[in-house]
Amino acid sequence: MTYQKAVLFHDTEIAQQILAISNVGKMKALGRAVREYEVRTVPDIL
């Protein structure tokens, strides 16, 4: 999910970092650091 969010917002730097690590906590932190992220752009999946 965090990788897809980075790709959706064209943040290739963060996307590559997410793929390069295996620590889930660090992946989540990188997902929160995605540039140009807007909550209302991402559909509600619940």
N, C-alpha and C. Protein backbone atom coordinates (compact mmCIF):
# COMPACT_ATOMS: atom_id res chain seq x y z
N MET A 1 0.81 -1.20 0.00
CA MET A 1 0.00 0.00 0.00
C MET A 1 0.86 1.26 0.00
N THR A 2 1.91 1.31 0.80
CA THR A 2 2.73 2.51 0.86
C THR A 2 3.46 2.73 -0.47
N TYR A 3 3.91 1.66 -1.10
CA TYR A 3 4.56 1.77 -2.40
C TYR A 3 3.58 2.33 -3.43
N GLN A 4 2.36 1.79 -3.45
CA GLN A 4 1.36 2.24 -4.40
C GLN A 4 1.00 3.71 -4.18
N LYS A 5 0.97 4.14 -2.93
CA LYS A 5 0.68 5.54 -2.64
C LYS A 5 1.79 6.43 -3.19
N ALA A 6 3.04 6.02 -3.01
CA ALA A 6 4.16 6.79 -3.55
C ALA A 6 4.09 6.87 -5.07
N VAL A 7 3.75 5.76 -5.72
CA VAL A 7 3.64 5.74 -7.17
C VAL A 7 2.48 6.63 -7.63
N LEU A 8 1.34 6.54 -6.94
CA LEU A 8 0.17 7.34 -7.29
C LEU A 8 0.48 8.83 -7.28
N PHE A 9 1.30 9.26 -6.32
CA PHE A 9 1.64 10.67 -6.20
C PHE A 9 2.98 11.01 -6.85
N HIS A 10 3.48 10.10 -7.69
CA HIS A 10 4.69 10.31 -8.49
C HIS A 10 5.92 10.62 -7.65
N ASP A 11 6.01 10.01 -6.49
CA ASP A 11 7.18 10.20 -5.62
C ASP A 11 8.09 8.97 -5.78
N THR A 12 8.86 8.97 -6.86
CA THR A 12 9.69 7.80 -7.19
C THR A 12 10.81 7.59 -6.18
N GLU A 13 11.30 8.65 -5.58
CA GLU A 13 12.36 8.53 -4.59
C GLU A 13 11.89 7.70 -3.39
N ILE A 14 10.74 8.05 -2.85
CA ILE A 14 10.18 7.31 -1.71
C ILE A 14 9.81 5.89 -2.13
N ALA A 15 9.25 5.73 -3.33
CA ALA A 15 8.86 4.40 -3.82
C ALA A 15 10.06 3.47 -3.86
N GLN A 16 11.18 3.95 -4.36
CA GLN A 16 12.38 3.12 -4.43
C GLN A 16 12.90 2.78 -3.02
N GLN A 17 12.82 3.72 -2.11
CA GLN A 17 13.26 3.47 -0.73
C GLN A 17 12.39 2.41 -0.08
N ILE A 18 11.09 2.46 -0.34
CA ILE A 18 10.17 1.47 0.23
C ILE A 18 10.51 0.07 -0.26
N LEU A 19 10.83 -0.05 -1.55
CA LEU A 19 11.19 -1.36 -2.11
C LEU A 19 12.52 -1.88 -1.58
N ALA A 20 13.38 -0.98 -1.16
CA ALA A 20 14.73 -1.37 -0.75
C ALA A 20 14.82 -1.84 0.71
N ILE A 21 13.77 -1.63 1.50
CA ILE A 21 13.84 -2.01 2.92
C ILE A 21 12.85 -3.12 3.23
N SER A 22 13.08 -3.79 4.35
CA SER A 22 12.17 -4.87 4.76
C SER A 22 11.50 -4.60 6.10
N ASN A 23 11.87 -3.53 6.75
CA ASN A 23 11.30 -3.18 8.05
C ASN A 23 9.95 -2.48 7.84
N VAL A 24 8.88 -3.11 8.31
CA VAL A 24 7.53 -2.60 8.09
C VAL A 24 7.34 -1.22 8.73
N GLY A 25 7.89 -1.00 9.89
CA GLY A 25 7.77 0.29 10.55
C GLY A 25 8.39 1.41 9.74
N LYS A 26 9.54 1.13 9.15
CA LYS A 26 10.20 2.14 8.30
C LYS A 26 9.41 2.36 7.02
N MET A 27 8.80 1.29 6.50
CA MET A 27 7.96 1.43 5.30
C MET A 27 6.78 2.36 5.58
N LYS A 28 6.15 2.17 6.73
CA LYS A 28 5.01 3.01 7.10
C LYS A 28 5.44 4.47 7.24
N ALA A 29 6.60 4.68 7.85
CA ALA A 29 7.11 6.04 8.02
C ALA A 29 7.37 6.68 6.66
N LEU A 30 7.93 5.92 5.73
CA LEU A 30 8.16 6.44 4.39
C LEU A 30 6.83 6.74 3.69
N GLY A 31 5.83 5.89 3.92
CA GLY A 31 4.51 6.13 3.34
C GLY A 31 3.90 7.44 3.82
N ARG A 32 4.17 7.78 5.07
CA ARG A 32 3.67 9.06 5.60
C ARG A 32 4.45 10.25 5.06
N ALA A 33 5.64 9.99 4.49
CA ALA A 33 6.49 11.06 3.97
C ALA A 33 6.29 11.33 2.48
N VAL A 34 5.33 10.66 1.86
CA VAL A 34 5.09 10.84 0.42
C VAL A 34 4.72 12.29 0.15
N ARG A 35 5.40 12.88 -0.83
CA ARG A 35 5.14 14.28 -1.20
C ARG A 35 3.84 14.39 -1.99
N GLU A 36 3.20 15.52 -1.86
CA GLU A 36 1.97 15.84 -2.59
C GLU A 36 0.78 14.95 -2.21
N TYR A 37 0.86 14.27 -1.07
CA TYR A 37 -0.22 13.39 -0.63
C TYR A 37 -1.40 14.20 -0.13
N GLU A 38 -2.59 13.87 -0.61
CA GLU A 38 -3.80 14.51 -0.13
C GLU A 38 -4.79 13.41 0.25
N VAL A 39 -5.28 13.44 1.46
CA VAL A 39 -6.18 12.40 1.96
C VAL A 39 -7.41 12.28 1.09
N ARG A 40 -7.99 13.35 0.65
CA ARG A 40 -9.23 13.27 -0.10
C ARG A 40 -9.03 12.65 -1.49
N THR A 41 -7.79 12.55 -1.98
CA THR A 41 -7.52 11.93 -3.28
C THR A 41 -7.59 10.42 -3.20
N VAL A 42 -7.24 9.86 -2.05
CA VAL A 42 -7.22 8.43 -1.88
C VAL A 42 -8.64 7.97 -1.47
N PRO A 43 -9.23 7.05 -2.23
CA PRO A 43 -10.59 6.61 -1.90
C PRO A 43 -10.65 5.84 -0.58
N ASP A 44 -11.77 5.95 0.06
CA ASP A 44 -12.02 5.22 1.31
C ASP A 44 -12.23 3.74 1.00
N ILE A 45 -11.40 2.86 1.57
CA ILE A 45 -11.51 1.44 1.25
C ILE A 45 -12.13 0.64 2.39
N LEU A 46 -12.59 1.33 3.42
CA LEU A 46 -13.18 0.61 4.56
C LEU A 46 -14.63 0.33 4.35
